[in-house]
């Protein structure tokens, strides 16, 4: 039977104790984050039924750029393929587009009780809150406005 150096057994004991300590401390420093339950493809809408929870470290560096709450995912659209059990990056999801390029949209200008509406051709796609360019059908001028939740584009010049 081979004999081991005296320091070897001490090193094994210290390593075992450290491993138990790390395992115990990592359990205390983890938080649940949402992950896909199934493969989600670009353009798919995320809802509660396709999400699971996974324990992840609380270390801010390890979770940088990762979505940490289900409420931040439900109703969003996948921008890229999301794999089961993998954390979801914030850049991998987007708000659903209300306006697509080339569609006719209602342009609304409203100020001091005066409201003017016109039709325009969307030059960019946009979700609610996005700033997009629209070509006014009557004047042929390009205006910039904010997509509203109802699908109109609100412009305020002046």
N, C-alpha and C. Protein backbone atom coordinates (compact mmCIF):
# COMPACT_ATOMS: atom_id res chain seq x y z
N UNK A 1 0.83 -1.17 0.00
CA UNK A 1 0.00 0.00 0.00
C UNK A 1 0.88 1.25 0.00
N UNK A 2 0.58 2.19 -0.91
CA UNK A 2 1.40 3.39 -1.04
C UNK A 2 1.08 4.35 0.10
N UNK A 3 2.09 4.98 0.61
CA UNK A 3 1.87 5.96 1.66
C UNK A 3 1.81 7.34 1.04
N UNK A 4 0.97 8.15 1.56
CA UNK A 4 0.80 9.51 1.06
C UNK A 4 1.55 10.46 2.00
N UNK A 5 2.04 11.56 1.44
CA UNK A 5 2.71 12.53 2.30
C UNK A 5 1.72 13.08 3.33
N UNK A 6 2.25 13.47 4.49
CA UNK A 6 1.42 13.95 5.58
C UNK A 6 0.59 15.17 5.17
N UNK A 7 1.11 16.06 4.40
CA UNK A 7 0.39 17.26 3.97
C UNK A 7 -0.74 16.95 3.00
N UNK A 8 -0.65 15.82 2.29
CA UNK A 8 -1.68 15.44 1.32
C UNK A 8 -3.03 15.23 2.00
N UNK A 9 -3.04 14.50 3.11
CA UNK A 9 -4.30 14.21 3.81
C UNK A 9 -4.90 15.49 4.36
N UNK A 10 -4.06 16.40 4.84
CA UNK A 10 -4.55 17.68 5.34
C UNK A 10 -5.17 18.49 4.19
N UNK A 11 -4.52 18.47 3.02
CA UNK A 11 -5.04 19.20 1.86
C UNK A 11 -6.39 18.64 1.42
N UNK A 12 -6.54 17.30 1.47
CA UNK A 12 -7.81 16.67 1.10
C UNK A 12 -8.90 17.09 2.07
N UNK A 13 -8.60 17.10 3.35
CA UNK A 13 -9.58 17.49 4.37
C UNK A 13 -9.99 18.95 4.20
N UNK A 14 -9.03 19.82 3.95
CA UNK A 14 -9.33 21.24 3.75
C UNK A 14 -10.18 21.44 2.50
N UNK A 15 -9.84 20.73 1.41
CA UNK A 15 -10.60 20.84 0.16
C UNK A 15 -12.03 20.35 0.36
N UNK A 16 -12.20 19.27 1.09
CA UNK A 16 -13.55 18.74 1.33
C UNK A 16 -14.37 19.73 2.15
N UNK A 17 -13.76 20.31 3.17
CA UNK A 17 -14.46 21.29 4.00
C UNK A 17 -14.82 22.53 3.17
N UNK A 18 -13.90 22.97 2.33
CA UNK A 18 -14.15 24.14 1.48
C UNK A 18 -15.28 23.86 0.50
N UNK A 19 -15.30 22.65 -0.05
CA UNK A 19 -16.37 22.28 -0.98
C UNK A 19 -17.72 22.30 -0.30
N UNK A 20 -17.79 21.81 0.93
CA UNK A 20 -19.05 21.82 1.66
C UNK A 20 -19.46 23.25 1.98
N UNK A 21 -18.48 24.10 2.35
CA UNK A 21 -18.77 25.49 2.65
C UNK A 21 -19.28 26.22 1.41
N UNK A 22 -18.63 26.00 0.26
CA UNK A 22 -19.04 26.65 -0.99
C UNK A 22 -20.43 26.21 -1.40
N UNK A 23 -20.71 24.92 -1.24
CA UNK A 23 -22.03 24.42 -1.60
C UNK A 23 -23.08 25.05 -0.72
N UNK A 24 -22.80 25.16 0.58
CA UNK A 24 -23.78 25.75 1.50
C UNK A 24 -23.96 27.23 1.22
N UNK A 25 -22.84 27.95 0.97
CA UNK A 25 -22.96 29.38 0.74
C UNK A 25 -23.58 29.68 -0.61
N UNK A 26 -23.38 28.82 -1.62
CA UNK A 26 -23.98 29.09 -2.93
C UNK A 26 -25.48 28.90 -2.88
N UNK A 27 -25.96 28.01 -2.02
CA UNK A 27 -27.40 27.84 -1.88
C UNK A 27 -28.02 29.08 -1.27
N UNK A 28 -27.30 29.69 -0.34
CA UNK A 28 -27.81 30.88 0.32
C UNK A 28 -27.75 32.09 -0.60
N UNK A 29 -26.86 32.08 -1.60
CA UNK A 29 -26.69 33.25 -2.45
C UNK A 29 -27.22 33.00 -3.86
N UNK A 30 -28.34 32.31 -3.97
CA UNK A 30 -28.96 32.08 -5.27
C UNK A 30 -30.36 32.67 -5.29
N UNK A 31 -30.81 32.96 -6.49
CA UNK A 31 -32.14 33.52 -6.69
C UNK A 31 -32.77 32.85 -7.89
N UNK A 32 -34.06 32.76 -7.89
CA UNK A 32 -34.78 32.12 -8.98
C UNK A 32 -34.92 33.09 -10.16
N UNK A 33 -34.56 32.64 -11.37
CA UNK A 33 -34.74 33.44 -12.58
C UNK A 33 -35.54 32.63 -13.59
N UNK A 34 -36.28 33.29 -14.47
CA UNK A 34 -37.05 32.56 -15.48
C UNK A 34 -36.17 32.03 -16.60
N UNK A 35 -36.47 30.82 -17.06
CA UNK A 35 -35.78 30.21 -18.20
C UNK A 35 -36.84 29.55 -19.08
N UNK A 36 -36.54 29.32 -20.34
CA UNK A 36 -37.51 28.63 -21.20
C UNK A 36 -37.72 27.18 -20.76
N UNK A 37 -38.94 26.72 -20.83
CA UNK A 37 -39.28 25.32 -20.56
C UNK A 37 -39.07 24.49 -21.82
N UNK A 38 -39.29 25.12 -22.98
CA UNK A 38 -39.14 24.48 -24.28
C UNK A 38 -38.32 25.40 -25.17
N UNK A 39 -37.91 24.92 -26.33
CA UNK A 39 -37.20 25.78 -27.27
C UNK A 39 -38.17 26.82 -27.81
N UNK A 40 -37.76 28.08 -27.76
CA UNK A 40 -38.58 29.20 -28.23
C UNK A 40 -37.85 29.81 -29.42
N UNK A 41 -38.56 29.95 -30.52
CA UNK A 41 -37.95 30.42 -31.77
C UNK A 41 -38.20 31.91 -31.98
N UNK A 42 -37.35 32.56 -32.79
CA UNK A 42 -37.54 33.99 -33.06
C UNK A 42 -38.95 34.27 -33.58
N UNK A 43 -39.57 35.29 -33.02
CA UNK A 43 -40.93 35.66 -33.40
C UNK A 43 -42.00 35.04 -32.51
N UNK A 44 -41.64 34.03 -31.70
CA UNK A 44 -42.60 33.42 -30.79
C UNK A 44 -42.87 34.35 -29.62
N UNK A 45 -44.14 34.37 -29.19
CA UNK A 45 -44.54 35.18 -28.03
C UNK A 45 -44.30 34.38 -26.76
N UNK A 46 -43.75 35.03 -25.75
CA UNK A 46 -43.49 34.37 -24.47
C UNK A 46 -44.70 34.55 -23.55
N UNK A 47 -45.12 33.46 -22.94
CA UNK A 47 -46.15 33.53 -21.92
C UNK A 47 -45.73 32.64 -20.76
N UNK A 48 -46.49 32.66 -19.70
CA UNK A 48 -46.14 31.92 -18.49
C UNK A 48 -45.98 30.42 -18.72
N UNK A 49 -46.71 29.87 -19.69
CA UNK A 49 -46.70 28.42 -19.90
C UNK A 49 -45.38 27.91 -20.49
N UNK A 50 -44.57 28.77 -21.09
CA UNK A 50 -43.31 28.33 -21.70
C UNK A 50 -42.10 28.66 -20.82
N UNK A 51 -42.36 29.14 -19.59
CA UNK A 51 -41.28 29.54 -18.69
C UNK A 51 -41.20 28.64 -17.47
N UNK A 52 -39.99 28.37 -17.03
CA UNK A 52 -39.69 27.66 -15.79
C UNK A 52 -38.82 28.58 -14.94
N UNK A 53 -38.54 28.14 -13.72
CA UNK A 53 -37.63 28.89 -12.87
C UNK A 53 -36.37 28.08 -12.62
N UNK A 54 -35.24 28.78 -12.53
CA UNK A 54 -33.95 28.14 -12.31
C UNK A 54 -33.22 28.94 -11.23
N UNK A 55 -32.49 28.25 -10.38
CA UNK A 55 -31.69 28.93 -9.37
C UNK A 55 -30.43 29.47 -10.03
N UNK A 56 -30.11 30.73 -9.75
CA UNK A 56 -28.93 31.37 -10.33
C UNK A 56 -28.21 32.14 -9.24
N UNK A 57 -26.90 32.34 -9.38
CA UNK A 57 -26.15 33.06 -8.37
C UNK A 57 -26.62 34.51 -8.24
N UNK A 58 -26.52 35.05 -7.04
CA UNK A 58 -26.88 36.45 -6.81
C UNK A 58 -25.80 37.41 -7.31
N UNK A 59 -24.63 36.89 -7.61
CA UNK A 59 -23.51 37.70 -8.09
C UNK A 59 -23.96 38.53 -9.29
N UNK A 60 -23.88 39.84 -9.15
CA UNK A 60 -24.34 40.74 -10.22
C UNK A 60 -23.57 40.52 -11.51
N UNK A 61 -22.31 40.20 -11.43
CA UNK A 61 -21.50 39.96 -12.63
C UNK A 61 -21.97 38.75 -13.40
N UNK A 62 -22.39 37.71 -12.68
CA UNK A 62 -22.84 36.48 -13.33
C UNK A 62 -24.20 36.65 -13.97
N UNK A 63 -25.00 37.62 -13.49
CA UNK A 63 -26.35 37.79 -14.02
C UNK A 63 -26.49 39.04 -14.87
N UNK A 64 -25.39 39.68 -15.21
CA UNK A 64 -25.45 40.91 -16.00
C UNK A 64 -26.12 40.64 -17.35
N UNK A 65 -27.14 41.43 -17.65
CA UNK A 65 -27.82 41.30 -18.92
C UNK A 65 -28.85 40.19 -18.98
N UNK A 66 -29.12 39.53 -17.85
CA UNK A 66 -30.08 38.42 -17.80
C UNK A 66 -31.40 38.92 -17.25
N UNK A 67 -32.52 38.52 -17.86
CA UNK A 67 -33.85 38.88 -17.37
C UNK A 67 -34.07 38.15 -16.05
N UNK A 68 -34.47 38.88 -15.01
CA UNK A 68 -34.58 38.30 -13.68
C UNK A 68 -36.02 38.10 -13.21
N UNK A 69 -36.99 38.54 -13.98
CA UNK A 69 -38.38 38.45 -13.54
C UNK A 69 -39.29 37.98 -14.68
N UNK A 70 -40.24 37.13 -14.34
CA UNK A 70 -41.21 36.66 -15.34
C UNK A 70 -42.01 37.81 -15.93
N UNK A 71 -42.34 38.78 -15.09
CA UNK A 71 -43.17 39.91 -15.57
C UNK A 71 -42.46 40.70 -16.67
N UNK A 72 -41.13 40.62 -16.69
CA UNK A 72 -40.36 41.30 -17.74
C UNK A 72 -40.33 40.51 -19.04
N UNK A 73 -40.85 39.28 -19.03
CA UNK A 73 -40.84 38.41 -20.22
C UNK A 73 -42.21 38.17 -20.82
N UNK A 74 -43.21 38.03 -19.96
CA UNK A 74 -44.56 37.67 -20.44
C UNK A 74 -45.07 38.74 -21.40
N UNK A 75 -45.47 38.32 -22.59
CA UNK A 75 -45.98 39.22 -23.62
C UNK A 75 -44.91 39.69 -24.59
N UNK A 76 -43.64 39.41 -24.30
CA UNK A 76 -42.55 39.81 -25.20
C UNK A 76 -42.42 38.81 -26.35
N UNK A 77 -41.64 39.17 -27.34
CA UNK A 77 -41.37 38.35 -28.51
C UNK A 77 -39.88 37.97 -28.50
N UNK A 78 -39.60 36.71 -28.81
CA UNK A 78 -38.20 36.26 -28.88
C UNK A 78 -37.54 36.85 -30.12
N UNK A 79 -36.35 37.40 -29.95
CA UNK A 79 -35.58 37.92 -31.07
C UNK A 79 -34.63 36.88 -31.62
N UNK A 80 -34.33 35.87 -30.81
CA UNK A 80 -33.44 34.78 -31.21
C UNK A 80 -33.91 33.50 -30.55
N UNK A 81 -33.34 32.37 -30.92
CA UNK A 81 -33.74 31.09 -30.36
C UNK A 81 -33.33 31.04 -28.89
N UNK A 82 -34.30 30.68 -28.02
CA UNK A 82 -34.06 30.55 -26.59
C UNK A 82 -34.13 29.08 -26.24
N UNK A 83 -33.09 28.57 -25.59
CA UNK A 83 -33.00 27.14 -25.30
C UNK A 83 -33.48 26.82 -23.89
N UNK A 84 -34.09 25.65 -23.71
CA UNK A 84 -34.60 25.25 -22.39
C UNK A 84 -33.51 25.26 -21.33
N UNK A 85 -33.84 25.79 -20.15
CA UNK A 85 -32.93 25.78 -19.02
C UNK A 85 -31.82 26.82 -19.07
N UNK A 86 -31.78 27.62 -20.12
CA UNK A 86 -30.73 28.64 -20.26
C UNK A 86 -31.27 30.01 -19.84
N UNK A 87 -30.49 30.81 -19.13
CA UNK A 87 -30.94 32.17 -18.80
C UNK A 87 -31.27 32.95 -20.06
N UNK A 88 -32.20 33.87 -19.96
CA UNK A 88 -32.63 34.67 -21.11
C UNK A 88 -32.01 36.06 -21.00
N UNK A 89 -31.25 36.45 -22.02
CA UNK A 89 -30.63 37.77 -22.04
C UNK A 89 -31.68 38.83 -22.41
N UNK A 90 -31.52 40.01 -21.86
CA UNK A 90 -32.47 41.09 -22.13
C UNK A 90 -32.50 41.45 -23.62
N UNK A 91 -31.36 41.29 -24.31
CA UNK A 91 -31.33 41.63 -25.74
C UNK A 91 -31.95 40.54 -26.61
N UNK A 92 -32.33 39.41 -26.01
CA UNK A 92 -32.89 38.30 -26.78
C UNK A 92 -34.41 38.39 -26.90
N UNK A 93 -35.03 39.39 -26.24
CA UNK A 93 -36.48 39.55 -26.31
C UNK A 93 -36.80 41.00 -26.64
N UNK A 94 -37.99 41.21 -27.18
CA UNK A 94 -38.39 42.56 -27.57
C UNK A 94 -39.90 42.70 -27.39
N UNK A 95 -40.37 43.93 -27.36
CA UNK A 95 -41.81 44.17 -27.32
C UNK A 95 -42.41 43.79 -28.67
N UNK A 96 -43.67 43.34 -28.67
CA UNK A 96 -44.30 43.01 -29.95
C UNK A 96 -44.47 44.25 -30.82
N UNK A 97 -44.22 44.09 -32.10
CA UNK A 97 -44.34 45.20 -33.05
C UNK A 97 -45.82 45.49 -33.33
N UNK A 98 -46.20 46.73 -33.17
CA UNK A 98 -47.56 47.16 -33.51
C UNK A 98 -47.62 47.65 -34.95
N UNK A 99 -46.47 48.12 -35.44
CA UNK A 99 -46.40 48.69 -36.78
C UNK A 99 -45.27 48.00 -37.53
N UNK A 100 -45.53 47.63 -38.78
CA UNK A 100 -44.49 47.05 -39.63
C UNK A 100 -44.18 48.03 -40.77
N UNK A 101 -43.01 47.86 -41.36
CA UNK A 101 -42.59 48.73 -42.45
C UNK A 101 -43.58 48.63 -43.61
N UNK A 102 -43.95 49.78 -44.15
CA UNK A 102 -44.81 49.81 -45.33
C UNK A 102 -46.30 49.82 -45.05
N UNK A 103 -46.70 49.76 -43.79
CA UNK A 103 -48.14 49.78 -43.49
C UNK A 103 -48.63 51.21 -43.34
N UNK A 104 -49.89 51.40 -43.64
CA UNK A 104 -50.51 52.71 -43.44
C UNK A 104 -50.82 52.88 -41.97
N UNK A 105 -50.44 54.03 -41.43
CA UNK A 105 -50.70 54.32 -40.02
C UNK A 105 -51.35 55.68 -39.89
N UNK A 106 -52.01 55.87 -38.78
CA UNK A 106 -52.63 57.16 -38.49
C UNK A 106 -51.61 58.00 -37.73
N UNK A 107 -51.33 59.20 -38.29
CA UNK A 107 -50.42 60.15 -37.66
C UNK A 107 -51.29 61.14 -36.88
N UNK A 108 -50.94 61.39 -35.62
CA UNK A 108 -51.73 62.29 -34.78
C UNK A 108 -50.83 63.39 -34.24
N UNK A 109 -51.24 64.63 -34.48
CA UNK A 109 -50.59 65.80 -33.90
C UNK A 109 -51.60 66.42 -32.96
N UNK A 110 -51.19 66.62 -31.72
CA UNK A 110 -52.12 67.17 -30.73
C UNK A 110 -51.40 68.18 -29.86
N UNK A 111 -51.99 69.40 -29.78
CA UNK A 111 -51.40 70.44 -28.95
C UNK A 111 -52.46 71.48 -28.59
N UNK A 112 -52.53 71.84 -27.33
CA UNK A 112 -53.45 72.88 -26.84
C UNK A 112 -54.88 72.66 -27.31
N UNK A 113 -55.37 71.45 -27.25
CA UNK A 113 -56.74 71.16 -27.62
C UNK A 113 -56.98 70.98 -29.11
N UNK A 114 -55.98 71.25 -29.94
CA UNK A 114 -56.08 71.07 -31.39
C UNK A 114 -55.51 69.70 -31.74
N UNK A 115 -56.27 68.91 -32.50
CA UNK A 115 -55.81 67.60 -32.93
C UNK A 115 -55.92 67.51 -34.45
N UNK A 116 -54.81 67.16 -35.10
CA UNK A 116 -54.78 66.98 -36.55
C UNK A 116 -54.34 65.54 -36.81
N UNK A 117 -55.09 64.86 -37.71
CA UNK A 117 -54.72 63.49 -38.05
C UNK A 117 -54.46 63.41 -39.55
N UNK A 118 -53.61 62.49 -39.93
CA UNK A 118 -53.28 62.24 -41.33
C UNK A 118 -52.88 60.79 -41.48
N UNK A 119 -52.86 60.31 -42.71
CA UNK A 119 -52.37 58.96 -42.97
C UNK A 119 -50.92 59.03 -43.41
N UNK A 120 -50.17 58.02 -43.01
CA UNK A 120 -48.77 57.97 -43.40
C UNK A 120 -48.32 56.54 -43.61
N UNK A 121 -47.22 56.40 -44.34
CA UNK A 121 -46.61 55.10 -44.61
C UNK A 121 -45.45 54.91 -43.64
N UNK A 122 -45.50 53.84 -42.86
CA UNK A 122 -44.44 53.57 -41.88
C UNK A 122 -43.13 53.24 -42.61
N UNK A 123 -42.07 53.93 -42.25
CA UNK A 123 -40.76 53.68 -42.84
C UNK A 123 -39.91 52.80 -41.93
N UNK A 124 -40.43 52.55 -40.73
CA UNK A 124 -39.75 51.69 -39.76
C UNK A 124 -40.82 50.89 -39.01
N UNK A 125 -40.43 49.73 -38.51
CA UNK A 125 -41.31 48.95 -37.64
C UNK A 125 -41.18 49.51 -36.23
N UNK A 126 -42.21 49.32 -35.42
CA UNK A 126 -42.12 49.85 -34.07
C UNK A 126 -43.10 49.21 -33.11
N UNK A 127 -42.68 49.15 -31.86
CA UNK A 127 -43.52 48.70 -30.76
C UNK A 127 -43.97 49.95 -30.00
N UNK A 128 -44.90 49.78 -29.08
CA UNK A 128 -45.37 50.91 -28.28
C UNK A 128 -44.19 51.58 -27.60
N UNK A 129 -44.11 52.91 -27.76
CA UNK A 129 -43.03 53.67 -27.14
C UNK A 129 -41.83 53.90 -28.04
N UNK A 130 -41.76 53.20 -29.17
CA UNK A 130 -40.64 53.38 -30.09
C UNK A 130 -40.80 54.65 -30.91
N UNK A 131 -39.69 55.27 -31.23
CA UNK A 131 -39.65 56.44 -32.10
C UNK A 131 -39.43 55.93 -33.52
N UNK A 132 -40.36 56.25 -34.44
CA UNK A 132 -40.22 55.78 -35.82
C UNK A 132 -40.44 56.93 -36.81
N UNK A 133 -40.00 56.70 -38.05
CA UNK A 133 -40.22 57.65 -39.14
C UNK A 133 -41.43 57.22 -39.96
N UNK A 134 -42.24 58.20 -40.35
CA UNK A 134 -43.45 57.95 -41.15
C UNK A 134 -43.52 59.00 -42.25
N UNK A 135 -43.82 58.57 -43.48
CA UNK A 135 -43.98 59.51 -44.60
C UNK A 135 -45.45 59.89 -44.71
N UNK A 136 -45.73 61.20 -44.54
CA UNK A 136 -47.09 61.72 -44.64
C UNK A 136 -47.58 61.53 -46.08
N UNK A 137 -48.73 60.89 -46.26
CA UNK A 137 -49.27 60.60 -47.59
C UNK A 137 -49.69 61.87 -48.34
N UNK A 138 -50.12 62.90 -47.62
CA UNK A 138 -50.59 64.13 -48.28
C UNK A 138 -49.43 65.05 -48.68
N UNK A 139 -48.50 65.27 -47.77
CA UNK A 139 -47.42 66.23 -48.03
C UNK A 139 -46.13 65.58 -48.52
N UNK A 140 -46.04 64.25 -48.39
CA UNK A 140 -44.86 63.49 -48.75
C UNK A 140 -43.65 63.81 -47.86
N UNK A 141 -43.88 64.52 -46.74
CA UNK A 141 -42.82 64.83 -45.79
C UNK A 141 -42.64 63.67 -44.82
N UNK A 142 -41.42 63.47 -44.37
CA UNK A 142 -41.14 62.43 -43.38
C UNK A 142 -41.19 63.07 -42.00
N UNK A 143 -42.00 62.49 -41.12
CA UNK A 143 -42.10 62.96 -39.74
C UNK A 143 -41.64 61.86 -38.80
N UNK A 144 -41.27 62.24 -37.61
CA UNK A 144 -40.84 61.29 -36.60
C UNK A 144 -41.82 61.36 -35.44
N UNK A 145 -42.26 60.19 -34.99
CA UNK A 145 -43.22 60.16 -33.89
C UNK A 145 -43.08 58.92 -33.05
N UNK A 146 -43.84 58.90 -31.97
CA UNK A 146 -43.80 57.80 -31.01
C UNK A 146 -45.01 56.90 -31.25
N UNK A 147 -44.75 55.59 -31.34
CA UNK A 147 -45.83 54.62 -31.52
C UNK A 147 -46.63 54.55 -30.23
N UNK A 148 -47.94 54.69 -30.36
CA UNK A 148 -48.85 54.63 -29.22
C UNK A 148 -49.39 53.20 -29.07
N UNK A 149 -49.87 52.85 -27.87
CA UNK A 149 -50.40 51.49 -27.66
C UNK A 149 -51.55 51.11 -28.60
N UNK A 150 -52.26 52.11 -29.13
CA UNK A 150 -53.37 51.81 -30.06
C UNK A 150 -52.91 51.69 -31.51
N UNK A 151 -51.58 51.82 -31.78
CA UNK A 151 -51.05 51.67 -33.12
C UNK A 151 -50.94 52.96 -33.91
N UNK A 152 -51.35 54.08 -33.33
CA UNK A 152 -51.17 55.37 -34.00
C UNK A 152 -49.76 55.89 -33.71
N UNK A 153 -49.35 56.91 -34.48
CA UNK A 153 -48.03 57.53 -34.27
C UNK A 153 -48.27 58.98 -33.89
N UNK A 154 -47.82 59.34 -32.70
CA UNK A 154 -48.03 60.69 -32.19
C UNK A 154 -46.79 61.54 -32.48
N UNK A 155 -47.02 62.66 -33.19
CA UNK A 155 -45.94 63.60 -33.50
C UNK A 155 -46.27 64.94 -32.82
N UNK A 156 -45.26 65.59 -32.34
CA UNK A 156 -45.43 66.92 -31.76
C UNK A 156 -44.30 67.79 -32.22
N UNK A 157 -44.56 68.63 -33.20
CA UNK A 157 -43.58 69.58 -33.72
C UNK A 157 -43.84 70.92 -33.03
N UNK A 158 -42.80 71.59 -32.72
CA UNK A 158 -43.02 72.92 -32.17
C UNK A 158 -42.50 73.04 -30.85
